[in-house]
Amino acid sequence: MAIVLLWSVAVAPAWRTLSETPAQIDQLDTQLQTMHRLAAEAAELRNMPAIPAMQSSTALLAATDRLGSRAQLILQDDRATVTLNAMPGGDLQSWLTEVRSAARARVTEAQLSRDARGYAGTVVLSLKTAP
């Protein structure tokens, strides 16, 4: 009885922990590498120089025009509001990447919902422009 009790209370949990640890360490290493990559990307984007307002709005307009009727753009000084309708996730990701790098736009607010056709809602962008 004592051996069974010792095994179930002390040895079995320790044995299970030792067998699960390598997989958990690998998973955490992968997450850490992803976080480092995202942090480097964020720092790079933060340090990008501002571009003229006209160039920024032109790049944003071009990126949004490629989406066709799925997006409507309203520009107001250094802010832009984009209304999305039935936007597939991959297209939304590509568009956000393009406006972030080409127009130096940063998402300040997003209200999106997802259904079978894709994402719908509004995205408010702040444009980082030079005078």
C-alpha atoms as a PDB file:
ATOM      1  CA  MET A   1       0.000   0.000   0.000  1.00  0.00           C
ATOM      2  CA  ALA A   2       2.769   2.411   0.908  1.00  0.00           C
ATOM      3  CA  ILE A   3       4.508   1.885  -2.427  1.00  0.00           C
ATOM      4  CA  VAL A   4       1.301   2.621  -4.378  1.00  0.00           C
ATOM      5  CA  LEU A   5       0.661   5.725  -2.295  1.00  0.00           C
ATOM      6  CA  LEU A   6       4.262   6.926  -2.752  1.00  0.00           C
ATOM      7  CA  TRP A   7       4.027   6.303  -6.509  1.00  0.00           C
ATOM      8  CA  SER A   8       0.699   8.130  -6.957  1.00  0.00           C
ATOM      9  CA  VAL A   9       1.561  11.120  -4.738  1.00  0.00           C
ATOM     10  CA  ALA A  10       5.251  11.726  -5.390  1.00  0.00           C
ATOM     11  CA  VAL A  11       6.710   9.794  -8.300  1.00  0.00           C
ATOM     12  CA  ALA A  12       3.920   9.794 -10.935  1.00  0.00           C
ATOM     13  CA  PRO A  13       3.371  13.602 -10.972  1.00  0.00           C
ATOM     14  CA  ALA A  14       7.115  14.250 -11.133  1.00  0.00           C
ATOM     15  CA  TRP A  15       7.514  11.665 -13.906  1.00  0.00           C
ATOM     16  CA  ARG A  16       4.646  13.255 -15.885  1.00  0.00           C
ATOM     17  CA  THR A  17       6.171  16.712 -15.477  1.00  0.00           C
ATOM     18  CA  LEU A  18       9.548  15.512 -16.715  1.00  0.00           C
ATOM     19  CA  SER A  19       8.011  13.839 -19.760  1.00  0.00           C
ATOM     20  CA  GLU A  20       5.891  16.893 -20.723  1.00  0.00           C
ATOM     21  CA  THR A  21       8.571  19.526 -20.148  1.00  0.00           C
ATOM     22  CA  PRO A  22      10.529  19.210 -23.433  1.00  0.00           C
ATOM     23  CA  ALA A  23       7.397  19.752 -25.542  1.00  0.00           C
ATOM     24  CA  GLN A  24       6.397  22.752 -23.428  1.00  0.00           C
ATOM     25  CA  ILE A  25       9.888  24.231 -23.720  1.00  0.00           C
ATOM     26  CA  ASP A  26       9.784  23.868 -27.517  1.00  0.00           C
ATOM     27  CA  GLN A  27       6.385  25.552 -27.646  1.00  0.00           C
ATOM     28  CA  LEU A  28       7.550  28.427 -25.443  1.00  0.00           C
ATOM     29  CA  ASP A  29      10.717  28.851 -27.533  1.00  0.00           C
ATOM     30  CA  THR A  30       8.574  29.148 -30.659  1.00  0.00           C
ATOM     31  CA  GLN A  31       6.365  31.739 -28.972  1.00  0.00           C
ATOM     32  CA  LEU A  32       9.428  33.666 -27.798  1.00  0.00           C
ATOM     33  CA  GLN A  33      10.896  33.730 -31.309  1.00  0.00           C
ATOM     34  CA  THR A  34       7.583  34.994 -32.675  1.00  0.00           C
ATOM     35  CA  MET A  35       7.458  37.720 -30.038  1.00  0.00           C
ATOM     36  CA  HIS A  36      11.042  38.796 -30.822  1.00  0.00           C
ATOM     37  CA  ARG A  37      10.230  38.930 -34.541  1.00  0.00           C
ATOM     38  CA  LEU A  38       7.098  41.001 -33.903  1.00  0.00           C
ATOM     39  CA  ALA A  39       8.979  43.336 -31.555  1.00  0.00           C
ATOM     40  CA  ALA A  40      11.688  43.899 -34.166  1.00  0.00           C
ATOM     41  CA  GLU A  41       9.046  44.563 -36.814  1.00  0.00           C
ATOM     42  CA  ALA A  42       7.256  47.029 -34.520  1.00  0.00           C
ATOM     43  CA  ALA A  43      10.509  48.859 -33.773  1.00  0.00           C
ATOM     44  CA  GLU A  44      11.325  49.030 -37.468  1.00  0.00           C
ATOM     45  CA  LEU A  45       7.895  50.433 -38.293  1.00  0.00           C
ATOM     46  CA  ARG A  46       8.076  52.912 -35.425  1.00  0.00           C
ATOM     47  CA  ASN A  47      11.421  54.230 -36.680  1.00  0.00           C
ATOM     48  CA  MET A  48      10.335  54.629 -40.300  1.00  0.00           C
ATOM     49  CA  PRO A  49      10.520  58.261 -41.371  1.00  0.00           C
ATOM     50  CA  ALA A  50       7.328  60.156 -41.987  1.00  0.00           C
ATOM     51  CA  ILE A  51       6.306  60.747 -45.591  1.00  0.00           C
ATOM     52  CA  PRO A  52       4.532  63.735 -47.156  1.00  0.00           C
ATOM     53  CA  ALA A  53       0.790  63.837 -46.532  1.00  0.00           C
ATOM     54  CA  MET A  54       0.003  63.661 -50.248  1.00  0.00           C
ATOM     55  CA  GLN A  55       2.137  60.526 -50.708  1.00  0.00           C
ATOM     56  CA  SER A  56       0.542  58.892 -47.668  1.00  0.00           C
ATOM     57  CA  SER A  57      -3.014  59.568 -48.786  1.00  0.00           C
ATOM     58  CA  THR A  58      -2.199  58.458 -52.348  1.00  0.00           C
ATOM     59  CA  ALA A  59      -0.753  55.161 -51.102  1.00  0.00           C
ATOM     60  CA  LEU A  60      -3.765  54.600 -48.842  1.00  0.00           C
ATOM     61  CA  LEU A  61      -6.180  55.400 -51.657  1.00  0.00           C
ATOM     62  CA  ALA A  62      -4.369  53.022 -54.059  1.00  0.00           C
ATOM     63  CA  ALA A  63      -4.365  50.185 -51.529  1.00  0.00           C
ATOM     64  CA  THR A  64      -8.045  50.683 -50.766  1.00  0.00           C
ATOM     65  CA  ASP A  65      -9.042  50.995 -54.438  1.00  0.00           C
ATOM     66  CA  ARG A  66      -7.628  47.512 -55.049  1.00  0.00           C
ATOM     67  CA  LEU A  67     -10.276  46.138 -52.685  1.00  0.00           C
ATOM     68  CA  GLY A  68     -13.039  47.351 -54.981  1.00  0.00           C
ATOM     69  CA  SER A  69     -16.556  47.572 -53.596  1.00  0.00           C
ATOM     70  CA  ARG A  70     -15.555  45.750 -50.410  1.00  0.00           C
ATOM     71  CA  ALA A  71     -14.065  48.952 -48.924  1.00  0.00           C
ATOM     72  CA  GLN A  72     -14.982  52.640 -48.723  1.00  0.00           C
ATOM     73  CA  LEU A  73     -12.399  55.238 -47.683  1.00  0.00           C
ATOM     74  CA  ILE A  74     -13.063  58.588 -46.020  1.00  0.00           C
ATOM     75  CA  LEU A  75      -9.990  60.835 -45.516  1.00  0.00           C
ATOM     76  CA  GLN A  76     -10.044  63.585 -42.874  1.00  0.00           C
ATOM     77  CA  ASP A  77      -6.731  65.392 -42.354  1.00  0.00           C
ATOM     78  CA  ASP A  78      -4.404  62.846 -40.697  1.00  0.00           C
ATOM     79  CA  ARG A  79      -7.170  60.277 -40.100  1.00  0.00           C
ATOM     80  CA  ALA A  80      -8.819  57.833 -42.433  1.00  0.00           C
ATOM     81  CA  THR A  81     -11.923  55.753 -41.861  1.00  0.00           C
ATOM     82  CA  VAL A  82     -12.363  52.634 -43.944  1.00  0.00           C
ATOM     83  CA  THR A  83     -15.653  50.756 -44.008  1.00  0.00           C
ATOM     84  CA  LEU A  84     -15.239  47.105 -44.926  1.00  0.00           C
ATOM     85  CA  ASN A  85     -17.841  44.685 -46.224  1.00  0.00           C
ATOM     86  CA  ALA A  86     -17.372  40.925 -46.832  1.00  0.00           C
ATOM     87  CA  MET A  87     -13.581  41.162 -46.634  1.00  0.00           C
ATOM     88  CA  PRO A  88     -11.729  37.818 -46.570  1.00  0.00           C
ATOM     89  CA  GLY A  89      -9.161  37.558 -43.770  1.00  0.00           C
ATOM     90  CA  GLY A  90      -6.197  37.193 -46.121  1.00  0.00           C
ATOM     91  CA  ASP A  91      -7.187  40.293 -48.089  1.00  0.00           C
ATOM     92  CA  LEU A  92      -7.633  42.252 -44.871  1.00  0.00           C
ATOM     93  CA  GLN A  93      -4.193  41.207 -43.655  1.00  0.00           C
ATOM     94  CA  SER A  94      -2.571  42.116 -46.985  1.00  0.00           C
ATOM     95  CA  TRP A  95      -4.312  45.479 -47.039  1.00  0.00           C
ATOM     96  CA  LEU A  96      -3.274  46.290 -43.456  1.00  0.00           C
ATOM     97  CA  THR A  97       0.330  45.348 -44.233  1.00  0.00           C
ATOM     98  CA  GLU A  98       0.343  47.543 -47.323  1.00  0.00           C
ATOM     99  CA  VAL A  99      -1.167  50.615 -45.664  1.00  0.00           C
ATOM    100  CA  ARG A 100       1.134  50.204 -42.687  1.00  0.00           C
ATOM    101  CA  SER A 101       4.289  50.202 -44.808  1.00  0.00           C
ATOM    102  CA  ALA A 102       3.372  52.311 -47.863  1.00  0.00           C
ATOM    103  CA  ALA A 103       1.112  54.927 -46.269  1.00  0.00           C
ATOM    104  CA  ARG A 104       2.676  54.792 -42.773  1.00  0.00           C
ATOM    105  CA  ALA A 105      -0.861  54.346 -41.452  1.00  0.00           C
ATOM    106  CA  ARG A 106      -1.482  52.950 -38.001  1.00  0.00           C
ATOM    107  CA  VAL A 107      -4.750  51.406 -36.839  1.00  0.00           C
ATOM    108  CA  THR A 108      -6.136  53.408 -33.939  1.00  0.00           C
ATOM    109  CA  GLU A 109      -9.568  51.819 -33.770  1.00  0.00           C
ATOM    110  CA  ALA A 110     -11.220  48.783 -35.314  1.00  0.00           C
ATOM    111  CA  GLN A 111     -14.749  47.511 -34.986  1.00  0.00           C
ATOM    112  CA  LEU A 112     -15.012  44.344 -37.028  1.00  0.00           C
ATOM    113  CA  SER A 113     -17.339  41.399 -37.072  1.00  0.00           C
ATOM    114  CA  ARG A 114     -16.893  38.161 -38.960  1.00  0.00           C
ATOM    115  CA  ASP A 115     -19.429  36.046 -40.762  1.00  0.00           C
ATOM    116  CA  ALA A 116     -19.323  33.410 -43.500  1.00  0.00           C
ATOM    117  CA  ARG A 117     -18.525  36.028 -46.183  1.00  0.00           C
ATOM    118  CA  GLY A 118     -15.629  37.609 -44.249  1.00  0.00           C
ATOM    119  CA  TYR A 119     -15.043  40.675 -42.103  1.00  0.00           C
ATOM    120  CA  ALA A 120     -17.296  43.717 -41.966  1.00  0.00           C
ATOM    121  CA  GLY A 121     -17.033  46.950 -39.982  1.00  0.00           C
ATOM    122  CA  THR A 122     -14.843  50.021 -39.730  1.00  0.00           C
ATOM    123  CA  VAL A 123     -11.129  50.619 -39.306  1.00  0.00           C
ATOM    124  CA  VAL A 124      -9.836  54.042 -38.273  1.00  0.00           C
ATOM    125  CA  LEU A 125      -6.267  54.814 -39.299  1.00  0.00           C
ATOM    126  CA  SER A 126      -3.883  57.513 -38.197  1.00  0.00           C
ATOM    127  CA  LEU A 127      -1.473  58.701 -40.879  1.00  0.00           C
ATOM    128  CA  LYS A 128       2.119  59.479 -39.897  1.00  0.00           C
ATOM    129  CA  THR A 129       2.952  62.303 -42.265  1.00  0.00           C
ATOM    130  CA  ALA A 130       5.710  64.847 -42.646  1.00  0.00           C
ATOM    131  CA  PRO A 131       4.790  68.515 -42.933  1.00  0.00           C
END
